[in-house]
């Protein structure tokens, strides 16, 4: 017997499939001005100067997109063990029970195609230094957000379509971490992630609708991530 709470939003998974977060991770939808300024400052004055002189935001975002595409396919197939090397062990441990709870329809809806990504951006960048260790442990964390739409997309995508066709719209939040400690050959790994639709976050969705009304009928257009 299945029980259904009327407070759960309806979405394209089906009326009796409730939203199951893949991990505990605050849902991120749009860029944050303060975080963007912080990212620019940290990139130019800290990371390139003292941690990784070759770091480029665009290159990182391109590589992050490739990892998101790979992980999304594995999520859709339920192949959790094949995510080793892409996700941290702790991330896999937290993800496993939540993915198992999902129906096949829900899992399949997690897949993202490269041609369907309409927006991608770095939401935040943080540098963590542990001075109690020798050498000092240095970690860089970068949180990214990608928007995907199964609608036909060419050139520019009007913002208002997010609200009109929310069942075809998927938002992916991923946090990447890399160990830059001296002597450690670290690489980018995913330690937090989540996929959701606008209708899965009703409170934020209401705010988004108000934002859309304030923008007028023409809406706002964003450039695609290629």
N, C-alpha and C. Protein backbone atom coordinates (compact mmCIF):
# COMPACT_ATOMS: atom_id res chain seq x y z
N UNK A 1 0.85 -1.19 0.00
CA UNK A 1 0.00 0.00 0.00
C UNK A 1 0.89 1.24 0.00
N UNK A 2 0.56 2.22 -0.83
CA UNK A 2 1.33 3.45 -0.92
C UNK A 2 0.56 4.59 -0.25
N UNK A 3 1.29 5.44 0.42
CA UNK A 3 0.68 6.59 1.07
C UNK A 3 1.16 7.85 0.35
N UNK A 4 0.24 8.78 0.19
CA UNK A 4 0.57 9.99 -0.55
C UNK A 4 0.20 11.22 0.26
N UNK A 5 1.12 12.12 0.42
CA UNK A 5 0.89 13.36 1.15
C UNK A 5 0.54 14.44 0.14
N UNK A 6 -0.61 15.05 0.28
CA UNK A 6 -1.06 16.04 -0.70
C UNK A 6 -0.17 17.29 -0.71
N UNK A 7 0.66 17.43 0.32
CA UNK A 7 1.53 18.60 0.38
C UNK A 7 2.73 18.49 -0.55
N UNK A 8 3.03 17.29 -1.03
CA UNK A 8 4.13 17.13 -1.96
C UNK A 8 3.71 17.65 -3.33
N UNK A 9 4.59 18.37 -4.05
CA UNK A 9 4.22 18.91 -5.34
C UNK A 9 4.10 17.81 -6.39
N UNK A 10 3.25 18.06 -7.38
CA UNK A 10 3.15 17.16 -8.52
C UNK A 10 4.18 17.60 -9.55
N UNK A 11 4.81 16.65 -10.21
CA UNK A 11 5.76 16.99 -11.25
C UNK A 11 5.78 15.87 -12.27
N UNK A 12 6.73 15.95 -13.18
CA UNK A 12 6.71 15.05 -14.33
C UNK A 12 7.03 13.60 -13.97
N UNK A 13 7.49 13.33 -12.74
CA UNK A 13 7.73 11.95 -12.37
C UNK A 13 6.42 11.17 -12.32
N UNK A 14 5.35 11.85 -11.98
CA UNK A 14 4.07 11.20 -11.78
C UNK A 14 3.46 11.71 -10.50
N UNK A 15 2.14 11.69 -10.42
CA UNK A 15 1.45 12.32 -9.30
C UNK A 15 1.78 11.66 -7.97
N UNK A 16 2.19 10.39 -7.97
CA UNK A 16 2.42 9.70 -6.70
C UNK A 16 3.90 9.52 -6.40
N UNK A 17 4.75 10.23 -7.11
CA UNK A 17 6.18 10.19 -6.83
C UNK A 17 6.59 11.49 -6.16
N UNK A 18 6.97 11.42 -4.90
CA UNK A 18 7.37 12.64 -4.20
C UNK A 18 8.82 12.96 -4.49
N UNK A 19 9.16 14.20 -4.26
CA UNK A 19 10.52 14.68 -4.48
C UNK A 19 11.46 14.07 -3.44
N UNK A 20 12.50 13.40 -3.92
CA UNK A 20 13.50 12.79 -3.04
C UNK A 20 14.85 13.44 -3.34
N UNK A 21 15.36 14.29 -2.46
CA UNK A 21 16.68 14.88 -2.68
C UNK A 21 17.75 13.79 -2.72
N UNK A 22 18.67 13.90 -3.64
CA UNK A 22 19.75 12.92 -3.72
C UNK A 22 20.68 13.03 -2.52
N UNK A 23 20.91 14.26 -2.07
CA UNK A 23 21.74 14.51 -0.89
C UNK A 23 21.22 15.76 -0.19
N UNK A 24 21.61 15.93 1.07
CA UNK A 24 21.27 17.16 1.78
C UNK A 24 22.12 18.29 1.21
N UNK A 25 21.48 19.16 0.47
CA UNK A 25 22.20 20.20 -0.26
C UNK A 25 21.20 21.30 -0.58
N UNK A 26 21.45 22.52 -0.14
CA UNK A 26 20.53 23.61 -0.40
C UNK A 26 20.31 23.79 -1.90
N UNK A 27 19.05 23.88 -2.31
CA UNK A 27 18.74 24.02 -3.73
C UNK A 27 19.17 25.40 -4.24
N UNK A 28 20.02 25.40 -5.25
CA UNK A 28 20.52 26.63 -5.86
C UNK A 28 19.92 26.75 -7.25
N UNK A 29 19.37 27.92 -7.55
CA UNK A 29 18.72 28.12 -8.84
C UNK A 29 19.43 29.18 -9.68
N UNK A 30 19.72 30.33 -9.05
CA UNK A 30 20.30 31.45 -9.79
C UNK A 30 21.64 31.88 -9.18
N UNK A 31 22.44 32.63 -9.94
CA UNK A 31 23.71 33.14 -9.40
C UNK A 31 23.47 34.12 -8.25
N UNK A 32 24.49 34.28 -7.43
CA UNK A 32 24.44 35.21 -6.31
C UNK A 32 25.53 36.26 -6.52
N UNK A 33 25.15 37.53 -6.50
CA UNK A 33 26.09 38.60 -6.81
C UNK A 33 27.27 38.61 -5.84
N UNK A 34 26.98 38.49 -4.55
CA UNK A 34 28.06 38.50 -3.56
C UNK A 34 29.02 37.34 -3.79
N UNK A 35 28.47 36.15 -4.01
CA UNK A 35 29.32 34.98 -4.25
C UNK A 35 30.14 35.14 -5.53
N UNK A 36 29.54 35.78 -6.53
CA UNK A 36 30.25 35.98 -7.79
C UNK A 36 31.45 36.90 -7.60
N UNK A 37 31.28 37.96 -6.84
CA UNK A 37 32.39 38.87 -6.56
C UNK A 37 33.47 38.17 -5.75
N UNK A 38 33.05 37.34 -4.81
CA UNK A 38 34.00 36.58 -3.99
C UNK A 38 34.78 35.60 -4.86
N UNK A 39 34.09 34.95 -5.81
CA UNK A 39 34.75 34.01 -6.71
C UNK A 39 35.81 34.70 -7.54
N UNK A 40 35.48 35.87 -8.08
CA UNK A 40 36.44 36.63 -8.88
C UNK A 40 37.66 37.01 -8.04
N UNK A 41 37.42 37.48 -6.83
CA UNK A 41 38.51 37.89 -5.94
C UNK A 41 39.40 36.71 -5.56
N UNK A 42 38.78 35.61 -5.14
CA UNK A 42 39.55 34.42 -4.75
C UNK A 42 40.34 33.85 -5.92
N UNK A 43 39.73 33.87 -7.11
CA UNK A 43 40.40 33.31 -8.29
C UNK A 43 41.66 34.10 -8.62
N UNK A 44 41.54 35.42 -8.65
CA UNK A 44 42.66 36.27 -9.08
C UNK A 44 43.71 36.51 -8.00
N UNK A 45 43.28 36.65 -6.75
CA UNK A 45 44.22 37.04 -5.69
C UNK A 45 44.70 35.88 -4.83
N UNK A 46 44.01 34.77 -4.87
CA UNK A 46 44.40 33.66 -4.00
C UNK A 46 44.78 32.40 -4.77
N UNK A 47 43.85 31.90 -5.58
CA UNK A 47 44.11 30.63 -6.26
C UNK A 47 45.24 30.75 -7.27
N UNK A 48 45.15 31.73 -8.18
CA UNK A 48 46.18 31.85 -9.21
C UNK A 48 47.52 32.29 -8.64
N UNK A 49 47.51 33.02 -7.55
CA UNK A 49 48.74 33.53 -6.97
C UNK A 49 49.46 32.50 -6.10
N UNK A 50 48.69 31.69 -5.37
CA UNK A 50 49.31 30.83 -4.37
C UNK A 50 48.98 29.34 -4.48
N UNK A 51 47.93 28.99 -5.23
CA UNK A 51 47.50 27.59 -5.24
C UNK A 51 47.66 26.93 -6.60
N UNK A 52 47.04 27.51 -7.63
CA UNK A 52 47.07 26.90 -8.96
C UNK A 52 47.12 28.00 -10.02
N UNK A 53 48.33 28.36 -10.51
CA UNK A 53 48.48 29.45 -11.48
C UNK A 53 47.75 29.17 -12.79
N UNK A 54 47.46 27.91 -13.08
CA UNK A 54 46.83 27.56 -14.36
C UNK A 54 45.30 27.54 -14.29
N UNK A 55 44.74 27.82 -13.12
CA UNK A 55 43.29 27.71 -12.96
C UNK A 55 42.56 28.75 -13.81
N UNK A 56 41.57 28.26 -14.57
CA UNK A 56 40.71 29.13 -15.37
C UNK A 56 39.26 28.73 -15.13
N UNK A 57 38.41 29.70 -14.84
CA UNK A 57 37.01 29.40 -14.52
C UNK A 57 36.30 28.71 -15.68
N UNK A 58 36.51 29.20 -16.89
CA UNK A 58 35.82 28.61 -18.03
C UNK A 58 36.24 27.16 -18.25
N UNK A 59 37.54 26.91 -18.15
CA UNK A 59 38.03 25.54 -18.32
C UNK A 59 37.46 24.63 -17.24
N UNK A 60 37.43 25.14 -16.01
CA UNK A 60 36.87 24.33 -14.93
C UNK A 60 35.40 24.02 -15.19
N UNK A 61 34.64 25.02 -15.62
CA UNK A 61 33.21 24.83 -15.85
C UNK A 61 32.97 23.82 -16.98
N UNK A 62 33.82 23.86 -18.00
CA UNK A 62 33.71 22.88 -19.09
C UNK A 62 33.95 21.47 -18.57
N UNK A 63 34.98 21.30 -17.74
CA UNK A 63 35.28 19.98 -17.18
C UNK A 63 34.20 19.54 -16.20
N UNK A 64 33.67 20.49 -15.45
CA UNK A 64 32.58 20.17 -14.51
C UNK A 64 31.36 19.68 -15.27
N UNK A 65 31.07 20.31 -16.39
CA UNK A 65 29.92 19.92 -17.21
C UNK A 65 30.06 18.47 -17.67
N UNK A 66 31.26 18.08 -18.09
CA UNK A 66 31.50 16.71 -18.54
C UNK A 66 31.26 15.72 -17.40
N UNK A 67 31.72 16.06 -16.20
CA UNK A 67 31.51 15.18 -15.05
C UNK A 67 30.03 15.07 -14.70
N UNK A 68 29.31 16.19 -14.79
CA UNK A 68 27.88 16.18 -14.50
C UNK A 68 27.14 15.27 -15.48
N UNK A 69 27.51 15.34 -16.74
CA UNK A 69 26.87 14.50 -17.76
C UNK A 69 27.12 13.02 -17.46
N UNK A 70 28.36 12.68 -17.09
CA UNK A 70 28.69 11.28 -16.77
C UNK A 70 27.91 10.79 -15.56
N UNK A 71 27.92 11.59 -14.50
CA UNK A 71 27.25 11.19 -13.27
C UNK A 71 25.75 11.09 -13.47
N UNK A 72 25.17 12.01 -14.23
CA UNK A 72 23.72 11.98 -14.45
C UNK A 72 23.29 10.70 -15.15
N UNK A 73 24.11 10.22 -16.09
CA UNK A 73 23.79 8.97 -16.78
C UNK A 73 23.85 7.79 -15.82
N UNK A 74 24.86 7.79 -14.95
CA UNK A 74 25.00 6.71 -13.96
C UNK A 74 23.86 6.75 -12.95
N UNK A 75 23.43 7.94 -12.58
CA UNK A 75 22.29 8.08 -11.68
C UNK A 75 21.04 7.49 -12.31
N UNK A 76 20.83 7.79 -13.59
CA UNK A 76 19.65 7.31 -14.30
C UNK A 76 19.64 5.78 -14.39
N UNK A 77 20.83 5.19 -14.48
CA UNK A 77 20.94 3.73 -14.57
C UNK A 77 21.00 3.07 -13.19
N UNK A 78 21.15 3.88 -12.16
CA UNK A 78 21.26 3.33 -10.81
C UNK A 78 22.59 2.67 -10.55
N UNK A 79 23.61 3.01 -11.33
CA UNK A 79 24.93 2.38 -11.21
C UNK A 79 25.80 3.17 -10.22
N UNK A 80 25.50 3.02 -8.96
CA UNK A 80 26.17 3.79 -7.92
C UNK A 80 27.65 3.43 -7.81
N UNK A 81 27.96 2.15 -7.87
CA UNK A 81 29.34 1.71 -7.69
C UNK A 81 30.26 2.22 -8.79
N UNK A 82 29.71 2.51 -9.96
CA UNK A 82 30.53 3.02 -11.06
C UNK A 82 30.85 4.51 -10.92
N UNK A 83 30.38 5.11 -9.84
CA UNK A 83 30.66 6.53 -9.60
C UNK A 83 31.96 6.73 -8.83
N UNK A 84 32.60 5.63 -8.44
CA UNK A 84 33.89 5.74 -7.74
C UNK A 84 34.90 6.39 -8.68
N UNK A 85 35.63 7.36 -8.15
CA UNK A 85 36.55 8.11 -8.99
C UNK A 85 35.95 9.43 -9.45
N UNK A 86 34.62 9.53 -9.37
CA UNK A 86 33.92 10.77 -9.70
C UNK A 86 33.38 11.42 -8.43
N UNK A 87 32.87 10.59 -7.52
CA UNK A 87 32.33 11.05 -6.25
C UNK A 87 33.23 10.58 -5.11
N UNK A 88 33.25 11.34 -4.03
CA UNK A 88 33.98 10.91 -2.84
C UNK A 88 33.25 9.73 -2.21
N UNK A 89 33.95 8.97 -1.39
CA UNK A 89 33.34 7.81 -0.73
C UNK A 89 32.16 8.22 0.15
N UNK A 90 32.31 9.34 0.87
CA UNK A 90 31.22 9.81 1.73
C UNK A 90 30.00 10.21 0.91
N UNK A 91 30.23 10.79 -0.26
CA UNK A 91 29.12 11.19 -1.12
C UNK A 91 28.35 9.97 -1.61
N UNK A 92 29.08 8.94 -2.01
CA UNK A 92 28.44 7.70 -2.48
C UNK A 92 27.63 7.07 -1.36
N UNK A 93 28.18 7.10 -0.16
CA UNK A 93 27.50 6.51 0.99
C UNK A 93 26.18 7.21 1.28
N UNK A 94 26.16 8.54 1.16
CA UNK A 94 24.93 9.30 1.42
C UNK A 94 23.95 9.17 0.26
N UNK A 95 24.48 9.10 -0.95
CA UNK A 95 23.63 9.05 -2.14
C UNK A 95 22.89 7.73 -2.28
N UNK A 96 23.55 6.63 -1.95
CA UNK A 96 23.02 5.29 -2.22
C UNK A 96 21.58 5.08 -1.73
N UNK A 97 21.28 5.29 -0.43
CA UNK A 97 19.92 5.00 0.04
C UNK A 97 18.86 5.89 -0.60
N UNK A 98 19.21 7.11 -0.95
CA UNK A 98 18.23 8.01 -1.56
C UNK A 98 17.93 7.61 -3.00
N UNK A 99 18.96 7.18 -3.72
CA UNK A 99 18.75 6.74 -5.10
C UNK A 99 17.92 5.46 -5.14
N UNK A 100 18.14 4.58 -4.17
CA UNK A 100 17.39 3.33 -4.10
C UNK A 100 15.91 3.59 -3.87
N UNK A 101 15.59 4.65 -3.13
CA UNK A 101 14.19 4.98 -2.84
C UNK A 101 13.42 5.43 -4.08
N UNK A 102 14.13 5.89 -5.09
CA UNK A 102 13.47 6.45 -6.27
C UNK A 102 12.88 5.37 -7.15
N UNK A 103 11.80 5.72 -7.81
CA UNK A 103 11.21 4.81 -8.80
C UNK A 103 12.07 4.86 -10.06
N UNK A 104 11.85 3.92 -10.95
CA UNK A 104 12.61 3.90 -12.20
C UNK A 104 12.37 5.17 -13.01
N UNK A 105 11.14 5.66 -13.00
CA UNK A 105 10.80 6.88 -13.73
C UNK A 105 11.57 8.07 -13.17
N UNK A 106 11.66 8.15 -11.84
CA UNK A 106 12.40 9.24 -11.22
C UNK A 106 13.89 9.18 -11.57
N UNK A 107 14.45 7.98 -11.51
CA UNK A 107 15.88 7.84 -11.83
C UNK A 107 16.15 8.23 -13.28
N UNK A 108 15.33 7.76 -14.19
CA UNK A 108 15.55 8.06 -15.61
C UNK A 108 15.47 9.55 -15.88
N UNK A 109 14.68 10.26 -15.08
CA UNK A 109 14.53 11.71 -15.27
C UNK A 109 15.77 12.48 -14.82
N UNK A 110 16.72 11.81 -14.17
CA UNK A 110 17.93 12.46 -13.69
C UNK A 110 18.97 12.65 -14.79
N UNK A 111 18.83 11.93 -15.89
CA UNK A 111 19.82 11.99 -16.97
C UNK A 111 19.81 13.36 -17.65
N UNK A 112 21.00 13.84 -17.98
CA UNK A 112 21.15 15.13 -18.64
C UNK A 112 21.91 14.92 -19.95
N UNK A 113 21.40 15.51 -21.02
CA UNK A 113 22.07 15.46 -22.32
C UNK A 113 22.81 16.77 -22.54
N UNK A 114 23.98 16.69 -23.17
CA UNK A 114 24.81 17.88 -23.38
C UNK A 114 24.06 18.97 -24.13
N UNK A 115 23.30 18.57 -25.15
CA UNK A 115 22.61 19.56 -25.97
C UNK A 115 21.44 20.22 -25.25
N UNK A 116 21.05 19.66 -24.10
CA UNK A 116 19.91 20.22 -23.35
C UNK A 116 20.33 21.21 -22.27
N UNK A 117 21.63 21.36 -22.04
CA UNK A 117 22.09 22.31 -21.02
C UNK A 117 21.97 23.72 -21.57
N UNK A 118 21.18 24.54 -20.89
CA UNK A 118 20.92 25.90 -21.36
C UNK A 118 21.63 26.96 -20.51
N UNK A 119 22.12 26.57 -19.36
CA UNK A 119 22.80 27.53 -18.49
C UNK A 119 23.69 26.78 -17.51
N UNK A 120 24.87 27.32 -17.29
CA UNK A 120 25.79 26.74 -16.32
C UNK A 120 26.64 27.84 -15.71
N UNK A 121 26.81 27.82 -14.40
CA UNK A 121 27.60 28.87 -13.77
C UNK A 121 28.19 28.37 -12.45
N UNK A 122 29.28 29.03 -12.04
CA UNK A 122 29.88 28.78 -10.74
C UNK A 122 29.11 29.61 -9.72
N UNK A 123 28.54 28.95 -8.73
CA UNK A 123 27.75 29.66 -7.72
C UNK A 123 28.64 30.19 -6.60
N UNK A 124 29.60 29.38 -6.18
CA UNK A 124 30.48 29.81 -5.09
C UNK A 124 31.82 29.11 -5.17
N UNK A 125 32.83 29.76 -4.63
CA UNK A 125 34.18 29.19 -4.58
C UNK A 125 34.76 29.47 -3.19
N UNK A 126 35.24 28.44 -2.54
CA UNK A 126 35.80 28.60 -1.20
C UNK A 126 37.16 27.90 -1.10
N UNK A 127 38.03 28.49 -0.32
CA UNK A 127 39.34 27.90 -0.04
C UNK A 127 39.43 27.63 1.45
N UNK A 128 39.74 26.39 1.81
CA UNK A 128 39.85 26.01 3.22
C UNK A 128 41.29 25.60 3.51
N UNK A 129 41.87 26.23 4.53
CA UNK A 129 43.26 25.97 4.91
C UNK A 129 43.30 25.52 6.36
N UNK A 130 43.95 24.38 6.59
CA UNK A 130 44.13 23.86 7.95
C UNK A 130 45.59 24.10 8.35
N UNK A 131 45.81 25.13 9.16
CA UNK A 131 47.17 25.50 9.55
C UNK A 131 47.75 24.59 10.63
N UNK A 132 46.93 23.70 11.16
CA UNK A 132 47.41 22.82 12.22
C UNK A 132 48.19 21.63 11.67
N UNK A 133 48.16 21.44 10.37
CA UNK A 133 48.87 20.32 9.76
C UNK A 133 50.17 20.80 9.12
N UNK A 134 51.09 19.88 8.91
CA UNK A 134 52.35 20.21 8.26
C UNK A 134 52.65 19.16 7.19
N UNK A 135 52.57 19.52 5.89
CA UNK A 135 52.26 20.87 5.39
C UNK A 135 50.79 21.23 5.58
N UNK A 136 50.48 22.52 5.44
CA UNK A 136 49.11 22.98 5.61
C UNK A 136 48.19 22.31 4.59
N UNK A 137 47.07 21.79 5.07
CA UNK A 137 46.10 21.16 4.18
C UNK A 137 45.28 22.25 3.50
N UNK A 138 45.24 22.21 2.17
CA UNK A 138 44.52 23.23 1.41
C UNK A 138 43.49 22.56 0.51
N UNK A 139 42.25 22.92 0.71
CA UNK A 139 41.15 22.39 -0.10
C UNK A 139 40.44 23.53 -0.81
N UNK A 140 40.08 23.29 -2.05
CA UNK A 140 39.27 24.25 -2.82
C UNK A 140 37.93 23.61 -3.12
N UNK A 141 36.85 24.31 -2.78
CA UNK A 141 35.49 23.83 -3.04
C UNK A 141 34.80 24.77 -4.02
N UNK A 142 34.21 24.21 -5.06
CA UNK A 142 33.49 25.01 -6.05
C UNK A 142 32.11 24.41 -6.27
N UNK A 143 31.09 25.22 -6.05
CA UNK A 143 29.71 24.78 -6.26
C UNK A 143 29.21 25.32 -7.59
N UNK A 144 28.66 24.44 -8.41
CA UNK A 144 28.15 24.82 -9.73
C UNK A 144 26.67 24.50 -9.86
N UNK A 145 26.02 25.22 -10.75
CA UNK A 145 24.61 24.98 -11.05
C UNK A 145 24.44 24.89 -12.56
N UNK A 146 23.71 23.87 -13.00
CA UNK A 146 23.41 23.70 -14.42
C UNK A 146 21.91 23.57 -14.61
N UNK A 147 21.40 24.25 -15.64
CA UNK A 147 19.98 24.14 -16.01
C UNK A 147 19.88 23.35 -17.30
N UNK A 148 18.97 22.39 -17.31
CA UNK A 148 18.76 21.55 -18.49
C UNK A 148 17.28 21.58 -18.86
N UNK A 149 17.01 21.65 -20.16
CA UNK A 149 15.62 21.63 -20.63
C UNK A 149 15.50 20.65 -21.78
N UNK A 150 14.48 19.80 -21.72
CA UNK A 150 14.25 18.85 -22.81
C UNK A 150 13.49 19.48 -23.96
N UNK A 151 13.09 20.77 -23.80
CA UNK A 151 12.46 21.48 -24.91
C UNK A 151 13.51 21.75 -25.99
N UNK A 152 13.04 21.99 -27.19
CA UNK A 152 13.95 22.34 -28.27
C UNK A 152 14.54 23.71 -27.99
N UNK A 153 15.88 23.79 -27.96
CA UNK A 153 16.56 25.03 -27.61
C UNK A 153 17.51 25.43 -28.72
N UNK A 154 17.42 26.69 -29.14
CA UNK A 154 18.34 27.22 -30.14
C UNK A 154 18.73 28.63 -29.74
N UNK A 155 20.02 28.93 -29.77
CA UNK A 155 20.49 30.27 -29.51
C UNK A 155 20.28 30.74 -28.09
N UNK A 156 19.17 31.41 -27.84
CA UNK A 156 18.86 31.94 -26.52
C UNK A 156 17.59 31.30 -25.99
N UNK A 157 17.52 31.20 -24.66
CA UNK A 157 16.39 30.54 -24.01
C UNK A 157 15.68 31.54 -23.11
N UNK A 158 14.43 31.92 -23.41
CA UNK A 158 13.72 32.90 -22.59
C UNK A 158 13.50 32.38 -21.17
N UNK A 159 13.74 33.22 -20.19
CA UNK A 159 13.57 32.83 -18.80
C UNK A 159 12.15 32.37 -18.50
N UNK A 160 11.16 32.97 -19.14
CA UNK A 160 9.77 32.63 -18.84
C UNK A 160 9.45 31.17 -19.14
N UNK A 161 10.23 30.52 -20.01
CA UNK A 161 9.96 29.11 -20.33
C UNK A 161 10.23 28.20 -19.13
N UNK A 162 11.08 28.65 -18.21
CA UNK A 162 11.34 27.85 -17.02
C UNK A 162 10.04 27.65 -16.24
N UNK A 163 9.22 28.69 -16.23
CA UNK A 163 7.98 28.64 -15.46
C UNK A 163 6.86 28.00 -16.26
N UNK A 164 6.86 28.20 -17.55
CA UNK A 164 5.79 27.65 -18.38
C UNK A 164 5.96 26.15 -18.57
N UNK A 165 7.20 25.68 -18.75
CA UNK A 165 7.47 24.27 -19.01
C UNK A 165 8.32 23.67 -17.89
N UNK A 166 7.92 23.88 -16.66
CA UNK A 166 8.75 23.45 -15.54
C UNK A 166 8.92 21.94 -15.47
N UNK A 167 7.99 21.17 -16.05
CA UNK A 167 8.11 19.71 -16.02
C UNK A 167 9.24 19.23 -16.90
N UNK A 168 9.63 20.04 -17.88
CA UNK A 168 10.72 19.67 -18.79
C UNK A 168 12.05 20.29 -18.37
N UNK A 169 12.05 20.97 -17.23
CA UNK A 169 13.23 21.70 -16.79
C UNK A 169 13.86 20.99 -15.59
N UNK A 170 15.17 20.79 -15.65
CA UNK A 170 15.90 20.13 -14.57
C UNK A 170 17.05 21.02 -14.12
N UNK A 171 17.22 21.14 -12.81
CA UNK A 171 18.30 21.95 -12.24
C UNK A 171 19.25 21.02 -11.49
N UNK A 172 20.52 21.14 -11.78
CA UNK A 172 21.54 20.26 -11.18
C UNK A 172 22.52 21.09 -10.36
N UNK A 173 22.66 20.75 -9.10
CA UNK A 173 23.63 21.39 -8.21
C UNK A 173 24.74 20.40 -7.88
N UNK A 174 25.98 20.81 -8.09
CA UNK A 174 27.14 19.94 -7.82
C UNK A 174 28.21 20.74 -7.10
N UNK A 175 28.80 20.14 -6.07
CA UNK A 175 29.95 20.76 -5.41
C UNK A 175 31.19 19.91 -5.65
N UNK A 176 32.22 20.55 -6.15
CA UNK A 176 33.48 19.89 -6.48
C UNK A 176 34.54 20.28 -5.45
N UNK A 177 35.36 19.33 -5.08
CA UNK A 177 36.41 19.59 -4.10
C UNK A 177 37.73 19.02 -4.62
N UNK A 178 38.81 19.74 -4.34
CA UNK A 178 40.14 19.26 -4.75
C UNK A 178 41.15 19.57 -3.65
N UNK A 179 42.01 18.60 -3.39
CA UNK A 179 43.06 18.75 -2.38
C UNK A 179 44.30 19.33 -3.04
N UNK A 180 44.66 20.55 -2.63
CA UNK A 180 45.83 21.22 -3.17
C UNK A 180 46.99 21.24 -2.17
N UNK A 181 46.94 20.35 -1.19
CA UNK A 181 48.02 20.29 -0.20
C UNK A 181 49.35 19.99 -0.90
N UNK A 182 50.41 20.63 -0.46
CA UNK A 182 51.72 20.43 -1.07
C UNK A 182 52.12 18.96 -1.01
N UNK A 183 52.52 18.42 -2.16
CA UNK A 183 52.92 17.02 -2.23
C UNK A 183 51.78 16.07 -2.55
N UNK A 184 50.55 16.59 -2.61
CA UNK A 184 49.39 15.75 -2.92
C UNK A 184 48.95 16.00 -4.36
N UNK A 185 48.82 14.94 -5.12
CA UNK A 185 48.33 15.06 -6.50
C UNK A 185 46.81 14.88 -6.50
N UNK A 186 46.13 15.92 -6.09
CA UNK A 186 44.68 15.86 -6.00
C UNK A 186 44.01 16.08 -7.35
N UNK A 187 42.75 15.70 -7.43
CA UNK A 187 41.95 15.97 -8.62
C UNK A 187 40.54 16.31 -8.18
N UNK A 188 39.79 16.89 -9.08
CA UNK A 188 38.45 17.33 -8.74
C UNK A 188 37.53 16.14 -8.53
N UNK A 189 36.84 16.16 -7.39
CA UNK A 189 35.87 15.12 -7.04
C UNK A 189 34.57 15.80 -6.62
N UNK A 190 33.48 15.09 -6.78
CA UNK A 190 32.17 15.61 -6.38
C UNK A 190 31.87 15.11 -4.97
N UNK A 191 31.57 16.04 -4.06
CA UNK A 191 31.24 15.60 -2.70
C UNK A 191 29.80 15.94 -2.29
N UNK A 192 29.10 16.72 -3.13
CA UNK A 192 27.68 16.96 -2.89
C UNK A 192 27.00 17.18 -4.24
N UNK A 193 25.74 16.69 -4.34
CA UNK A 193 25.00 16.89 -5.59
C UNK A 193 23.51 16.74 -5.34
N UNK A 194 22.74 17.32 -6.25
CA UNK A 194 21.30 17.15 -6.22
C UNK A 194 20.72 17.55 -7.57
N UNK A 195 19.63 16.88 -7.95
CA UNK A 195 18.86 17.22 -9.15
C UNK A 195 17.43 17.50 -8.72
N UNK A 196 16.83 18.54 -9.27
CA UNK A 196 15.44 18.83 -8.92
C UNK A 196 14.80 19.67 -10.02
N UNK A 197 13.47 19.71 -10.00
CA UNK A 197 12.70 20.51 -10.94
C UNK A 197 12.14 21.72 -10.21
N UNK A 198 11.79 22.80 -10.93
CA UNK A 198 11.23 23.99 -10.27
C UNK A 198 10.05 23.66 -9.38
N UNK A 199 9.21 22.72 -9.79
CA UNK A 199 8.03 22.37 -9.00
C UNK A 199 8.34 21.59 -7.74
N UNK A 200 9.59 21.10 -7.62
CA UNK A 200 9.98 20.35 -6.42
C UNK A 200 10.28 21.26 -5.24
N UNK A 201 10.47 22.53 -5.51
CA UNK A 201 10.80 23.50 -4.46
C UNK A 201 9.75 24.60 -4.49
N UNK A 202 8.54 24.32 -4.03
CA UNK A 202 7.41 25.25 -4.17
C UNK A 202 7.66 26.64 -3.63
N UNK A 203 8.36 26.76 -2.50
CA UNK A 203 8.59 28.09 -1.93
C UNK A 203 9.46 28.93 -2.85
N UNK A 204 10.56 28.34 -3.32
CA UNK A 204 11.42 29.07 -4.23
C UNK A 204 10.72 29.30 -5.56
N UNK A 205 9.88 28.35 -5.95
CA UNK A 205 9.19 28.46 -7.23
C UNK A 205 8.26 29.67 -7.23
N UNK A 206 7.58 29.90 -6.09
CA UNK A 206 6.70 31.06 -6.00
C UNK A 206 7.50 32.35 -6.16
N UNK A 207 8.70 32.38 -5.56
CA UNK A 207 9.55 33.55 -5.69
C UNK A 207 9.97 33.75 -7.13
N UNK A 208 10.25 32.63 -7.82
CA UNK A 208 10.67 32.71 -9.21
C UNK A 208 9.55 33.26 -10.08
N UNK A 209 8.31 32.88 -9.79
CA UNK A 209 7.17 33.36 -10.57
C UNK A 209 6.99 34.86 -10.37
N UNK A 210 7.19 35.33 -9.14
CA UNK A 210 7.10 36.76 -8.87
C UNK A 210 8.19 37.51 -9.61
N UNK A 211 9.38 36.91 -9.65
CA UNK A 211 10.48 37.53 -10.39
C UNK A 211 10.14 37.63 -11.86
N UNK A 212 9.54 36.58 -12.40
CA UNK A 212 9.17 36.58 -13.81
C UNK A 212 8.15 37.66 -14.11
N UNK A 213 7.16 37.85 -13.23
CA UNK A 213 6.15 38.88 -13.43
C UNK A 213 6.79 40.26 -13.43
N UNK A 214 7.78 40.44 -12.57
CA UNK A 214 8.44 41.74 -12.47
C UNK A 214 9.26 42.05 -13.70
N UNK A 215 9.67 41.01 -14.43
CA UNK A 215 10.50 41.20 -15.60
C UNK A 215 9.68 41.55 -16.84
N UNK A 216 8.39 41.36 -16.78
CA UNK A 216 7.56 41.70 -17.93
C UNK A 216 7.41 40.54 -18.89
N UNK A 217 6.64 40.75 -19.93
CA UNK A 217 6.29 39.68 -20.86
C UNK A 217 7.49 39.20 -21.68
N UNK A 218 8.43 40.09 -21.93
CA UNK A 218 9.57 39.70 -22.77
C UNK A 218 10.56 38.82 -22.03
N UNK A 219 10.51 38.87 -20.69
CA UNK A 219 11.40 38.02 -19.91
C UNK A 219 12.86 38.41 -20.09
N UNK A 220 13.75 37.53 -19.66
CA UNK A 220 15.18 37.75 -19.78
C UNK A 220 15.77 36.57 -20.53
N UNK A 221 16.75 36.82 -21.36
CA UNK A 221 17.37 35.74 -22.11
C UNK A 221 18.79 35.53 -21.62
N UNK A 222 19.19 34.25 -21.59
CA UNK A 222 20.55 33.97 -21.17
C UNK A 222 21.28 33.23 -22.29
N UNK A 223 22.57 33.39 -22.31
CA UNK A 223 23.37 32.74 -23.34
C UNK A 223 23.63 31.30 -22.96
N UNK A 224 23.63 30.43 -23.93
CA UNK A 224 23.84 29.01 -23.67
C UNK A 224 25.29 28.72 -23.32
N UNK A 225 25.49 27.66 -22.55
CA UNK A 225 26.83 27.16 -22.24
C UNK A 225 27.18 26.14 -23.30
N UNK A 226 28.21 26.39 -24.06
CA UNK A 226 28.57 25.48 -25.16
C UNK A 226 29.86 24.74 -24.84
